[in-house]
Amino acid sequence: MKKLLLACTAAWVGCAAPASRGLAQAVAPPAVNLVPAPVPTAAAASVDCSKNPDPYKNYSCLDAYLGTDVGERLVNYYKLEWGQSGPPSDPSAQAGRRSDWPSTPETTPPMPFTEWPYGGTTPIGVTRPGSVDSPLMVAIANTSIGKFLTENDFQIYGWLDPGMNISSNTQRPAGNAPIAYAYTPNTVQLDQAVVYLDRFPDTVQTDHIDWGMRLSAIFGENYRYTTAYGVYSYQLLKHNNQNGYDFPMVYGEVFIPYVFQGLMIRVGRYISLPDIEAQLAPNNYMYTHSLTYAVDNYTNTGIMTTTALTKQLFLQAGVSVGTEAPPWHVGETEANPYPNPLYPGRTFLKDPGAQFPTYTVCVRYSWNDEHDNIQPCMNGVNNGRWGYNNLQWYGFTYYHKFNDHWHIDFEFYDESQRGVPNANNSEVQTIYANGGTPFSPQFLPFNAPNLAHCKNALVLSCTATGLGVTSYLNYSPDPLNNFSFRPEYYADDQGQRMGTPTDYYEFSFGWQHWLSPQFEMRPEIGYYRSIDGVAFNGNPTHGIAPNKNHTYFAGGDIIMHF
């Protein structure tokens, strides 16, 4: 749930250098454009590399350079890529992009993607199997497990992501909220430890049906931003653990190249389609997330189709069981200990937001040779009743590339829920305290969905809305550095998203510096302000009200891939 109490697209990780089959897949870091990466081959052992052992100059020496022992290969591969912007490329590799496809707009490093982000699918026309730059896969290439994985196009990889922040807030924990992904002020923490097992379908070819899958696991402080009600959610909703685990992506997919320019069908739990940002650290420019991203849809569970109608025009349509909602919550009820005008029955739905079908429809259109891209989208659309995170999301993202050094991202959305109990009504307060709603403390003692501060104190419920506008202006002077400026405005007039009925603005500046394709540092500074009331330096789960209307923030993290 994106409540602050609590590719490659922005939804997945992959990368970018040509490759051929061999002992291992040595590929680049998280990105959108999945292109098979360089692979050490058995033939390399017979090549004389004594005079020119550098695999960047003589690719045939890659395997000889790495060695034979797993630990030796791991260390040597990190050393090989240090100071480089990508892995060495295999001159005999298959093309990683359809020849008639629009050009790649960005590179990674230094960007978190190569294709303008669109979720819910492995990118069509630009993905080859086994294309993530994984030191682990290189290290185990000569083992029986490594050979099995490579021969069957599977990869195991991930990253460690420790972070820290210094803030003008002092309340620990929770004092930084609603700043996202830095919940506790003035601390060092493990943000994410992530492991993926996946297989990418080959979407470059057009002559056969292919399949893919992903299993993901995350552990750390950031689990609170991916939690779906009913999926190991007791950690956040029953105990409010500092660190926890989750499985934000568990899906299978089939690619059918014969439908227009290609059709992808994904089934399972996946990252919600809209947004510039995503939960997984390597998919973002900056360490923190915008407030806009922090309080909208995170994951859906269902069926998503992506059809490339043309090279520039994609249609995405699917059904799910809601947002942050598993299938087993659809229709599930529990006893109502306090029947009332809002919930008069002896039972009520455990999560009224768990509804099937819930609809998602997005259109992605690019022009000007991928210098411009727009994606209008509606996500999580059903009757909009107050649920765990049953947001009705309508908005769009837009990307424009000025030149090889500058580009800008822009996002706007309107989100809402209907029938949210009124926190300003004394009868509702009694109802809520006595267990008369599905999200009363008797059911969810921590991090439950907020009530709404309705303008009319006499009504029992109202529609709660949120309006977010954010942008990233990016300047990349060289392949290992990018600077981002993020201004944003968020209107939370009923306080249902963040707890305080107020509007917010923030200005943040971040630097993404890559030491290699496997190591990235992201320092940043920011200023946040709530316009109409105090919203920072509180801890709602312990009844401590916020007492500040602004925050000065400095923080950062280090992402270490394996």
Protein backbone atom coordinates (compact mmCIF):
# COMPACT_ATOMS: atom_id res chain seq x y z
CA MET A 1 0.00 0.00 0.00
CA LYS A 2 1.35 3.40 -0.91
CA LYS A 3 0.13 4.98 2.26
CA LEU A 4 2.98 6.66 4.03
CA LEU A 5 2.14 5.08 7.34
CA LEU A 6 2.96 2.14 6.27
CA ALA A 7 11.97 -3.19 -18.20
CA CYS A 8 13.36 -2.35 -18.28
CA THR A 9 10.32 -0.50 -17.26
CA ALA A 10 9.84 1.00 -13.89
CA ALA A 11 8.50 -2.38 -13.02
CA TRP A 12 11.47 -4.53 -13.72
CA VAL A 13 15.20 -4.76 -14.22
CA GLY A 14 17.32 -5.74 -17.15
CA CYS A 15 19.97 -4.40 -19.48
CA ALA A 16 21.95 -3.71 -22.47
CA ALA A 17 24.88 -5.13 -24.35
CA PRO A 18 24.91 -7.63 -27.22
CA ALA A 19 25.66 -11.25 -26.41
CA SER A 20 25.92 -14.82 -27.57
CA ARG A 21 25.29 -18.12 -25.85
CA GLY A 22 28.06 -19.54 -23.71
CA LEU A 23 29.03 -20.32 -20.17
CA ALA A 24 27.31 -17.34 -18.58
CA GLN A 25 25.34 -14.21 -19.25
CA ALA A 26 27.43 -11.18 -18.43
CA VAL A 27 25.08 -8.31 -18.92
CA ALA A 28 24.42 -4.78 -17.86
CA PRO A 29 22.48 -3.31 -14.88
CA PRO A 30 18.82 -2.47 -14.35
CA ALA A 31 17.18 -0.88 -17.38
CA VAL A 32 14.43 -1.17 -19.94
CA ASN A 33 16.15 -2.30 -23.08
CA LEU A 34 16.87 -5.96 -22.55
CA VAL A 35 19.60 -6.94 -24.98
CA PRO A 36 21.54 -10.18 -24.51
CA ALA A 37 24.87 -9.42 -22.96
CA PRO A 38 28.44 -10.57 -23.39
CA VAL A 39 29.06 -14.19 -22.57
CA PRO A 40 32.36 -15.89 -21.87
CA THR A 41 32.68 -18.83 -24.24
CA ALA A 42 34.49 -22.13 -23.99
CA ALA A 43 36.52 -21.20 -27.06
CA ALA A 44 38.11 -18.34 -25.14
CA ALA A 45 40.34 -20.80 -23.28
CA SER A 46 42.23 -21.59 -26.52
CA VAL A 47 42.94 -17.93 -27.36
CA ASP A 48 46.36 -16.47 -26.56
CA CYS A 49 45.55 -13.52 -24.29
CA SER A 50 49.06 -12.91 -22.98
CA LYS A 51 49.59 -9.79 -25.12
CA ASN A 52 46.11 -8.25 -24.95
CA PRO A 53 44.19 -9.61 -21.93
CA ASP A 54 41.67 -6.74 -21.71
CA PRO A 55 38.20 -8.16 -22.64
CA TYR A 56 37.04 -4.67 -23.60
CA LYS A 57 39.72 -4.71 -26.33
CA ASN A 58 39.73 -8.44 -27.03
CA TYR A 59 36.41 -10.06 -26.15
CA SER A 60 37.84 -13.54 -26.70
CA CYS A 61 39.89 -13.10 -23.53
CA LEU A 62 36.88 -12.64 -21.26
CA ASP A 63 36.76 -16.17 -19.88
CA ALA A 64 40.54 -16.38 -19.46
CA TYR A 65 40.48 -13.05 -17.61
CA LEU A 66 37.77 -14.23 -15.21
CA GLY A 67 39.40 -17.52 -14.18
CA THR A 68 37.75 -20.75 -13.06
CA ASP A 69 36.92 -20.51 -9.33
CA VAL A 70 33.51 -19.04 -8.44
CA GLY A 71 34.93 -16.52 -5.98
CA GLU A 72 37.74 -15.56 -8.34
CA ARG A 73 35.34 -15.01 -11.23
CA LEU A 74 33.06 -12.88 -9.05
CA VAL A 75 35.87 -10.60 -7.87
CA ASN A 76 37.44 -10.35 -11.31
CA TYR A 77 34.16 -9.42 -12.95
CA TYR A 78 33.59 -6.58 -10.48
CA LYS A 79 37.18 -5.43 -11.15
CA LEU A 80 36.69 -5.68 -14.91
CA GLU A 81 33.65 -3.39 -14.96
CA TRP A 82 34.99 -0.86 -12.44
CA GLY A 83 34.96 2.60 -14.02
CA GLN A 84 33.15 1.33 -17.12
CA SER A 85 29.66 2.29 -18.28
CA GLY A 86 28.75 -1.24 -19.39
CA PRO A 87 30.09 -4.75 -19.91
CA PRO A 88 32.36 -5.74 -22.80
CA SER A 89 30.32 -6.53 -25.89
CA ASP A 90 30.42 -9.65 -28.01
CA PRO A 91 30.94 -8.68 -31.68
CA SER A 92 29.08 -11.82 -32.78
CA ALA A 93 26.01 -11.21 -30.63
CA GLN A 94 22.48 -11.24 -31.97
CA ALA A 95 20.80 -7.87 -32.36
CA GLY A 96 19.06 -6.82 -29.16
CA ARG A 97 16.50 -4.65 -30.90
CA ARG A 98 14.37 -5.00 -33.99
CA SER A 99 16.10 -3.29 -36.87
CA ASP A 100 13.05 -1.20 -37.79
CA TRP A 101 12.21 -0.23 -34.20
CA PRO A 102 12.50 3.40 -33.00
CA SER A 103 15.88 4.25 -31.49
CA THR A 104 16.73 3.78 -27.82
CA PRO A 105 16.13 7.12 -26.07
CA GLU A 106 18.43 6.64 -23.04
CA THR A 107 21.31 4.52 -21.71
CA THR A 108 21.94 2.81 -18.41
CA PRO A 109 24.16 3.85 -16.74
CA PRO A 110 23.48 6.62 -15.91
CA MET A 111 19.69 6.43 -16.29
CA PRO A 112 17.45 3.92 -14.49
CA PHE A 113 16.00 2.81 -17.84
CA THR A 114 16.75 2.81 -21.56
CA GLU A 115 13.14 2.72 -22.83
CA TRP A 116 10.64 5.28 -21.49
CA PRO A 117 8.98 3.34 -18.64
CA TYR A 118 5.80 1.36 -19.12
CA GLY A 119 4.82 -1.36 -16.68
CA GLY A 120 2.87 -4.58 -16.84
CA THR A 121 4.98 -6.17 -19.56
CA THR A 122 8.43 -7.15 -20.70
CA PRO A 123 9.19 -4.46 -23.33
CA ILE A 124 8.22 -5.57 -26.82
CA GLY A 125 10.73 -5.44 -29.66
CA VAL A 126 13.78 -4.81 -27.46
CA THR A 127 14.16 -7.83 -25.16
CA ARG A 128 16.38 -10.88 -25.46
CA PRO A 129 16.57 -13.69 -22.88
CA GLY A 130 19.36 -13.71 -20.31
CA SER A 131 20.12 -10.03 -20.59
CA VAL A 132 20.82 -8.79 -17.08
CA ASP A 133 24.40 -7.86 -16.23
CA SER A 134 24.79 -10.18 -13.24
CA PRO A 135 28.18 -10.79 -11.58
CA LEU A 136 26.58 -13.77 -9.82
CA MET A 137 25.63 -15.40 -13.12
CA VAL A 138 29.15 -14.83 -14.44
CA ALA A 139 30.65 -16.27 -11.27
CA ILE A 140 28.69 -19.53 -11.42
CA ALA A 141 28.94 -19.89 -15.19
CA ASN A 142 31.21 -22.95 -15.01
CA THR A 143 29.09 -24.77 -12.42
CA SER A 144 26.32 -27.22 -13.20
CA ILE A 145 23.72 -24.82 -11.78
CA GLY A 146 25.05 -21.93 -13.83
CA LYS A 147 25.08 -23.97 -17.02
CA PHE A 148 21.53 -25.19 -16.42
CA LEU A 149 20.25 -21.67 -15.80
CA THR A 150 22.01 -20.23 -18.84
CA GLU A 151 20.96 -23.01 -21.21
CA ASN A 152 17.33 -22.50 -20.19
CA ASP A 153 17.46 -18.67 -20.24
CA PHE A 154 16.99 -18.25 -16.48
CA GLN A 155 18.91 -15.75 -14.37
CA ILE A 156 19.29 -15.18 -10.63
CA TYR A 157 20.43 -11.70 -9.63
CA GLY A 158 19.63 -8.78 -7.35
CA TRP A 159 21.14 -6.03 -5.23
CA LEU A 160 21.77 -4.69 -1.73
CA ASP A 161 20.65 -1.14 -1.03
CA PRO A 162 21.66 0.47 2.30
CA GLY A 163 20.62 4.09 2.84
CA MET A 164 20.72 6.92 5.32
CA ASN A 165 19.23 10.36 5.93
CA ILE A 166 19.71 13.51 7.99
CA SER A 167 16.51 15.45 8.60
CA SER A 168 15.17 18.42 10.50
CA ASN A 169 12.58 16.00 11.92
CA THR A 170 13.37 14.28 15.22
CA GLN A 171 10.47 11.89 15.94
CA ARG A 172 11.69 8.31 15.58
CA PRO A 173 10.32 6.30 13.94
CA ALA A 174 7.94 7.78 11.36
CA GLY A 175 8.92 11.45 11.73
CA ASN A 176 9.86 11.91 8.07
CA ALA A 177 6.49 10.72 6.74
CA PRO A 178 5.00 11.56 4.31
CA ILE A 179 8.48 11.65 2.72
CA ALA A 180 8.69 8.28 1.01
CA TYR A 181 11.30 5.56 1.47
CA ALA A 182 12.92 7.40 4.38
CA TYR A 183 10.30 6.73 7.06
CA THR A 184 12.55 7.28 10.08
CA PRO A 185 14.63 10.47 10.36
CA ASN A 186 18.35 10.60 11.15
CA THR A 187 19.14 6.95 10.68
CA VAL A 188 21.07 4.38 8.68
CA GLN A 189 19.01 1.46 7.42
CA LEU A 190 18.79 -1.42 4.99
CA ASP A 191 16.36 -0.11 2.41
CA GLN A 192 16.23 -3.19 0.20
CA ALA A 193 17.84 -6.57 -0.26
CA VAL A 194 16.31 -7.97 -3.46
CA VAL A 195 16.60 -11.27 -5.30
CA TYR A 196 15.07 -12.06 -8.71
CA LEU A 197 14.65 -15.32 -10.55
CA ASP A 198 13.39 -14.61 -14.02
CA ARG A 199 13.26 -15.64 -17.64
CA PHE A 200 12.68 -13.01 -20.31
CA PRO A 201 10.70 -13.90 -23.41
CA ASP A 202 12.43 -13.08 -26.67
CA THR A 203 10.43 -10.14 -28.04
CA VAL A 204 12.90 -9.18 -30.76
CA GLN A 205 12.12 -12.27 -32.86
CA THR A 206 8.79 -12.58 -34.68
CA ASP A 207 8.70 -16.24 -35.71
CA HIS A 208 7.64 -18.14 -32.57
CA ILE A 209 5.67 -17.86 -29.33
CA ASP A 210 7.90 -17.45 -26.27
CA TRP A 211 7.32 -17.28 -22.52
CA GLY A 212 8.74 -15.61 -19.45
CA MET A 213 8.35 -15.39 -15.68
CA ARG A 214 9.58 -13.60 -12.59
CA LEU A 215 9.80 -14.41 -8.90
CA SER A 216 10.99 -11.53 -6.73
CA ALA A 217 11.68 -11.17 -3.03
CA ILE A 218 12.44 -8.00 -1.09
CA PHE A 219 13.62 -7.56 2.50
CA GLY A 220 14.25 -4.32 4.38
CA GLU A 221 12.58 -1.10 5.46
CA ASN A 222 11.02 -0.58 2.03
CA TYR A 223 8.68 -3.57 2.39
CA ARG A 224 6.18 -1.17 3.97
CA TYR A 225 5.72 0.48 0.56
CA THR A 226 5.02 -2.75 -1.35
CA THR A 227 2.76 -4.57 1.13
CA ALA A 228 -0.55 -5.88 -0.20
CA TYR A 229 -3.27 -6.59 2.37
CA GLY A 230 -3.37 -10.37 2.80
CA VAL A 231 0.11 -11.11 1.41
CA TYR A 232 2.31 -11.51 4.52
CA SER A 233 0.83 -8.16 5.56
CA TYR A 234 0.77 -9.04 9.28
CA GLN A 235 4.36 -7.67 9.45
CA LEU A 236 3.14 -4.15 8.67
CA LEU A 237 -0.51 -4.19 9.67
CA LYS A 238 -0.34 -6.29 12.84
CA HIS A 239 3.17 -5.56 14.15
CA ASN A 240 4.51 -2.51 12.27
CA ASN A 241 7.93 -4.17 11.95
CA GLN A 242 10.86 -1.93 11.04
CA ASN A 243 12.05 -4.46 8.44
CA GLY A 244 10.01 -7.05 6.61
CA TYR A 245 9.77 -9.07 3.43
CA ASP A 246 7.43 -9.16 0.46
CA PHE A 247 7.10 -10.64 -3.02
CA PRO A 248 6.07 -7.66 -5.17
CA MET A 249 6.35 -9.49 -8.52
CA VAL A 250 5.24 -13.08 -9.06
CA TYR A 251 4.03 -13.63 -12.61
CA GLY A 252 4.26 -15.59 -15.81
CA GLU A 253 3.84 -14.23 -19.32
CA VAL A 254 3.47 -15.34 -22.92
CA PHE A 255 4.65 -13.40 -25.98
CA ILE A 256 2.72 -13.91 -29.22
CA PRO A 257 4.50 -12.14 -32.12
CA TYR A 258 1.76 -12.78 -34.71
CA VAL A 259 -0.72 -10.22 -33.28
CA PHE A 260 0.05 -6.82 -34.85
CA GLN A 261 3.68 -6.09 -33.80
CA GLY A 262 3.41 -8.41 -30.80
CA LEU A 263 1.10 -9.29 -27.91
CA MET A 264 2.26 -9.93 -24.32
CA ILE A 265 -0.05 -11.57 -21.79
CA ARG A 266 1.03 -11.37 -18.14
CA VAL A 267 -0.70 -13.25 -15.29
CA GLY A 268 0.10 -12.83 -11.60
CA ARG A 269 1.18 -10.03 -9.28
CA TYR A 270 2.94 -7.15 -11.02
CA ILE A 271 3.85 -3.51 -10.50
CA SER A 272 1.05 -1.08 -11.39
CA LEU A 273 1.40 0.32 -14.89
CA PRO A 274 1.53 4.12 -14.52
CA ASP A 275 4.27 6.32 -13.01
CA ILE A 276 7.77 7.58 -13.66
CA GLU A 277 9.00 5.81 -10.52
CA ALA A 278 8.83 2.27 -9.12
CA GLN A 279 9.41 0.52 -5.80
CA LEU A 280 12.66 -1.20 -6.72
CA ALA A 281 15.66 1.06 -6.10
CA PRO A 282 17.51 0.71 -9.45
CA ASN A 283 14.39 1.79 -11.35
CA ASN A 284 14.50 5.34 -9.96
CA TYR A 285 16.55 8.47 -10.50
CA MET A 286 16.68 9.44 -6.84
CA TYR A 287 16.89 7.90 -3.37
CA THR A 288 13.54 9.20 -2.13
CA HIS A 289 10.33 9.08 -4.11
CA SER A 290 7.98 11.91 -4.90
CA LEU A 291 4.95 12.29 -2.64
CA THR A 292 2.93 11.79 -5.80
CA TYR A 293 4.34 8.32 -6.25
CA ALA A 294 4.29 7.45 -2.56
CA VAL A 295 0.51 7.49 -2.21
CA ASP A 296 -0.82 5.96 -5.40
CA ASN A 297 -1.17 2.39 -6.72
CA TYR A 298 1.73 -0.02 -6.19
CA THR A 299 0.81 -3.55 -7.29
CA ASN A 300 -2.06 -5.32 -9.00
CA THR A 301 -2.82 -9.03 -9.22
CA GLY A 302 -4.60 -10.16 -12.36
CA ILE A 303 -4.20 -10.43 -16.12
CA MET A 304 -2.56 -7.72 -18.22
CA THR A 305 -2.26 -7.61 -22.00
CA THR A 306 0.09 -5.36 -23.95
CA THR A 307 -0.32 -5.08 -27.71
CA ALA A 308 2.10 -3.25 -29.98
CA LEU A 309 -0.41 -2.01 -32.55
CA THR A 310 2.43 -0.28 -34.37
CA LYS A 311 6.05 0.49 -33.51
CA GLN A 312 4.91 3.72 -31.85
CA LEU A 313 1.43 2.89 -30.52
CA PHE A 314 0.85 0.35 -27.74
CA LEU A 315 -2.43 -0.58 -26.03
CA GLN A 316 -2.48 -2.08 -22.54
CA ALA A 317 -5.68 -3.53 -21.08
CA GLY A 318 -6.33 -5.90 -18.23
CA VAL A 319 -8.35 -6.95 -15.24
CA SER A 320 -7.24 -7.40 -11.65
CA VAL A 321 -8.76 -7.89 -8.21
CA GLY A 322 -8.04 -4.32 -7.17
CA THR A 323 -4.91 -2.63 -5.88
CA GLU A 324 -2.73 -4.25 -3.18
CA ALA A 325 -5.45 -6.94 -3.02
CA PRO A 326 -5.01 -10.73 -3.47
CA PRO A 327 -7.66 -12.94 -5.12
CA TRP A 328 -8.56 -14.66 -1.84
CA HIS A 329 -9.91 -11.41 -0.41
CA VAL A 330 -12.59 -11.09 -3.09
CA GLY A 331 -15.93 -11.65 -1.35
CA GLU A 332 -14.33 -12.60 2.00
CA THR A 333 -16.27 -11.31 4.99
CA GLU A 334 -15.73 -10.98 8.72
CA ALA A 335 -17.99 -10.34 11.67
CA ASN A 336 -19.03 -6.74 12.31
CA PRO A 337 -18.90 -6.25 16.10
CA TYR A 338 -20.63 -2.87 15.96
CA PRO A 339 -23.38 -2.57 13.27
CA ASN A 340 -23.89 1.08 12.35
CA PRO A 341 -25.28 3.34 9.63
CA LEU A 342 -22.10 2.98 7.56
CA TYR A 343 -21.90 -0.81 7.87
CA PRO A 344 -25.32 -1.96 9.17
CA GLY A 345 -24.91 -5.72 8.65
CA ARG A 346 -23.64 -8.36 11.05
CA THR A 347 -20.77 -8.92 8.63
CA PHE A 348 -18.87 -6.78 6.17
CA LEU A 349 -16.31 -7.37 3.45
CA LYS A 350 -12.80 -7.86 4.78
CA ASP A 351 -11.55 -5.49 2.07
CA PRO A 352 -14.25 -3.75 0.01
CA GLY A 353 -11.54 -2.75 -2.47
CA ALA A 354 -10.84 -6.37 -3.45
CA GLN A 355 -13.10 -6.51 -6.50
CA PHE A 356 -13.08 -8.54 -9.68
CA PRO A 357 -13.12 -7.30 -12.31
CA THR A 358 -11.12 -4.14 -11.68
CA TYR A 359 -10.01 -2.53 -14.94
CA THR A 360 -6.79 -1.02 -16.26
CA VAL A 361 -6.45 0.62 -19.69
CA CYS A 362 -3.39 2.54 -20.89
CA VAL A 363 -2.20 3.85 -24.24
CA ARG A 364 1.48 4.44 -25.00
CA TYR A 365 2.46 6.58 -27.97
CA SER A 366 5.92 7.74 -29.03
CA TRP A 367 6.99 10.05 -31.83
CA ASN A 368 9.91 12.11 -33.04
CA ASP A 369 12.11 8.96 -33.02
CA GLU A 370 11.43 8.35 -29.30
CA HIS A 371 12.28 11.91 -28.33
CA ASP A 372 8.67 12.22 -27.15
CA ASN A 373 6.49 9.70 -25.37
CA ILE A 374 3.09 9.98 -23.68
CA GLN A 375 1.09 7.42 -21.73
CA PRO A 376 -2.46 8.28 -20.60
CA CYS A 377 -3.76 5.63 -18.24
CA MET A 378 -6.60 4.63 -15.95
CA ASN A 379 -5.70 2.08 -13.30
CA GLY A 380 -7.62 0.18 -10.62
CA VAL A 381 -11.04 1.24 -11.88
CA ASN A 382 -14.10 -0.28 -10.15
CA ASN A 383 -16.90 1.19 -8.01
CA GLY A 384 -14.30 3.08 -5.98
CA ARG A 385 -15.51 2.06 -2.52
CA TRP A 386 -13.13 2.74 0.39
CA GLY A 387 -10.72 -0.17 0.53
CA TYR A 388 -7.21 -0.96 1.65
CA ASN A 389 -5.86 0.98 -1.33
CA ASN A 390 -8.77 1.02 -3.76
CA LEU A 391 -7.67 4.07 -5.70
CA GLN A 392 -9.35 5.12 -8.92
CA TRP A 393 -6.31 6.39 -10.83
CA TYR A 394 -6.59 8.66 -13.91
CA GLY A 395 -3.55 10.41 -15.29
CA PHE A 396 -0.61 10.39 -17.68
CA THR A 397 3.16 10.50 -17.96
CA TYR A 398 5.09 12.41 -20.60
CA TYR A 399 8.79 12.25 -21.54
CA HIS A 400 10.78 14.57 -23.79
CA LYS A 401 14.41 14.22 -24.80
CA PHE A 402 16.04 17.53 -25.70
CA ASN A 403 19.39 16.02 -26.69
CA ASP A 404 21.85 13.38 -25.49
CA HIS A 405 22.42 15.27 -22.22
CA TRP A 406 19.00 16.66 -21.24
CA HIS A 407 15.54 15.15 -20.85
CA ILE A 408 12.43 15.84 -18.78
CA ASP A 409 9.71 13.62 -17.29
CA PHE A 410 6.28 14.86 -16.25
CA GLU A 411 3.41 13.13 -14.44
CA PHE A 412 -0.10 14.21 -13.52
CA TYR A 413 -2.92 12.22 -11.93
CA ASP A 414 -6.20 12.45 -10.10
CA GLU A 415 -7.07 9.62 -7.69
CA SER A 416 -10.09 9.05 -5.47
CA GLN A 417 -12.06 6.70 -3.24
CA ARG A 418 -15.77 6.85 -2.46
CA GLY A 419 -17.55 6.36 0.84
CA VAL A 420 -14.57 7.10 3.06
CA PRO A 421 -15.69 7.51 6.71
CA ASN A 422 -15.55 11.08 7.96
CA ALA A 423 -12.90 11.69 10.64
CA ASN A 424 -14.56 15.03 11.50
CA ASN A 425 -17.82 13.34 12.55
CA SER A 426 -18.14 12.27 16.19
CA GLU A 427 -20.47 9.37 15.36
CA VAL A 428 -17.94 8.03 12.87
CA GLN A 429 -15.21 8.27 15.47
CA THR A 430 -17.31 6.09 17.78
CA ILE A 431 -18.06 3.63 14.96
CA TYR A 432 -14.40 3.36 14.04
CA ALA A 433 -13.18 2.95 17.63
CA ASN A 434 -15.68 0.15 18.31
CA GLY A 435 -14.72 -1.96 15.31
CA GLY A 436 -17.55 -0.85 13.03
CA THR A 437 -15.46 -0.60 9.85
CA PRO A 438 -13.30 -3.19 8.06
CA PHE A 439 -10.18 -1.20 8.88
CA SER A 440 -10.83 -0.37 12.54
CA PRO A 441 -7.97 -1.00 15.01
CA GLN A 442 -9.55 -4.31 16.04
CA PHE A 443 -8.70 -5.64 12.56
CA LEU A 444 -5.68 -3.56 11.52
CA PRO A 445 -3.92 -2.11 14.58
CA PHE A 446 -1.18 -0.43 12.51
CA ASN A 447 -1.02 1.40 9.17
CA ALA A 448 -4.69 1.01 8.28
CA PRO A 449 -6.17 3.21 5.54
CA ASN A 450 -6.86 6.73 6.75
CA LEU A 451 -10.28 8.24 7.25
CA ALA A 452 -11.21 11.42 5.36
CA HIS A 453 -11.50 14.90 6.79
CA CYS A 454 -14.71 15.76 4.95
CA LYS A 455 -15.58 19.44 4.54
CA ASN A 456 -19.03 18.85 6.03
CA ALA A 457 -18.71 17.49 9.57
CA LEU A 458 -22.36 16.30 9.52
CA VAL A 459 -21.92 13.66 6.80
CA LEU A 460 -20.81 10.13 7.72
CA SER A 461 -18.64 9.70 4.61
CA CYS A 462 -17.44 11.49 1.51
CA THR A 463 -15.32 11.05 -1.58
CA ALA A 464 -11.62 11.59 -0.88
CA THR A 465 -9.43 12.83 -3.70
CA GLY A 466 -5.75 13.32 -4.34
CA LEU A 467 -4.12 15.30 -7.12
CA GLY A 468 -0.43 14.93 -7.89
CA VAL A 469 1.90 16.77 -10.27
CA THR A 470 5.60 15.98 -10.40
CA SER A 471 8.49 16.30 -12.82
CA TYR A 472 12.14 15.28 -13.20
CA LEU A 473 14.53 17.51 -15.12
CA ASN A 474 17.67 15.49 -15.88
CA TYR A 475 21.14 16.46 -17.03
CA SER A 476 23.73 13.79 -17.84
CA PRO A 477 27.22 15.19 -18.57
CA ASP A 478 28.75 11.74 -19.20
CA PRO A 479 27.81 8.03 -19.14
CA LEU A 480 28.45 7.64 -15.40
CA ASN A 481 26.66 10.70 -13.99
CA ASN A 482 23.19 12.22 -13.98
CA PHE A 483 21.72 15.14 -12.05
CA SER A 484 17.98 15.35 -11.35
CA PHE A 485 15.80 18.22 -10.15
CA ARG A 486 12.36 17.20 -8.86
CA PRO A 487 9.65 19.81 -8.20
CA GLU A 488 6.17 18.62 -7.25
CA TYR A 489 2.80 19.62 -5.89
CA TYR A 490 0.31 17.31 -4.19
CA ALA A 491 -3.21 18.21 -3.04
CA ASP A 492 -4.57 15.99 -0.25
CA ASP A 493 -7.61 18.08 0.61
CA GLN A 494 -9.36 15.42 2.71
CA GLY A 495 -6.11 14.08 4.20
CA GLN A 496 -7.02 10.52 3.28
CA ARG A 497 -3.71 9.76 1.59
CA MET A 498 -1.25 11.22 4.09
CA GLY A 499 -3.29 11.84 7.23
CA THR A 500 -3.38 15.65 7.24
CA PRO A 501 -5.84 17.67 5.10
CA THR A 502 -3.40 19.95 3.33
CA ASP A 503 -1.54 20.56 0.09
CA TYR A 504 2.20 19.94 -0.25
CA TYR A 505 5.07 21.09 -2.38
CA GLU A 506 8.67 19.95 -2.49
CA PHE A 507 11.91 20.66 -4.34
CA SER A 508 14.63 18.03 -4.37
CA PHE A 509 17.96 17.73 -6.13
CA GLY A 510 19.80 14.44 -6.64
CA TRP A 511 23.02 13.12 -8.15
CA GLN A 512 23.33 9.61 -9.52
CA HIS A 513 26.98 8.60 -9.74
CA TRP A 514 27.95 5.18 -11.10
CA LEU A 515 31.30 3.69 -10.12
CA SER A 516 30.57 0.83 -12.51
CA PRO A 517 27.46 -0.82 -13.93
CA GLN A 518 27.22 -2.64 -10.58
CA PHE A 519 27.69 0.21 -8.07
CA GLU A 520 25.61 3.38 -7.93
CA MET A 521 25.53 6.20 -5.33
CA ARG A 522 22.51 8.54 -5.09
CA PRO A 523 22.97 11.49 -2.70
CA GLU A 524 20.20 14.11 -2.59
CA ILE A 525 18.88 17.13 -0.72
CA GLY A 526 15.30 18.36 -0.50
CA TYR A 527 12.83 20.78 1.02
CA TYR A 528 9.22 19.78 1.80
CA ARG A 529 6.35 21.97 3.00
CA SER A 530 2.73 21.41 3.95
CA ILE A 531 0.77 24.53 3.08
CA ASP A 532 -2.33 24.55 5.30
CA GLY A 533 -1.30 22.62 8.40
CA VAL A 534 1.43 20.72 10.22
CA ALA A 535 2.14 17.33 8.63
CA PHE A 536 5.71 16.32 9.59
CA ASN A 537 7.47 14.97 12.68
CA GLY A 538 4.62 12.83 14.00
CA ASN A 539 4.00 9.13 14.58
CA PRO A 540 0.33 8.28 13.97
CA THR A 541 0.74 4.62 14.98
CA HIS A 542 1.67 5.77 18.48
CA GLY A 543 -0.75 8.69 18.67
CA ILE A 544 1.92 11.38 18.29
CA ALA A 545 0.59 14.26 16.21
CA PRO A 546 2.85 16.04 13.70
CA ASN A 547 4.17 19.42 14.80
CA LYS A 548 6.06 20.80 11.78
CA ASN A 549 4.94 22.20 8.46
CA HIS A 550 8.29 21.83 6.69
CA THR A 551 11.28 19.53 6.46
CA TYR A 552 14.88 19.94 5.36
CA PHE A 553 16.21 16.61 4.15
CA ALA A 554 19.53 15.12 3.04
CA GLY A 555 20.04 11.47 2.30
CA GLY A 556 21.28 8.87 -0.11
CA ASP A 557 22.01 5.23 -0.75
CA ILE A 558 24.43 2.85 -2.43
CA ILE A 559 23.07 0.18 -4.78
CA MET A 560 25.34 -2.85 -5.10
CA HIS A 561 24.27 -5.37 -7.75
CA PHE A 562 25.14 -9.05 -7.79
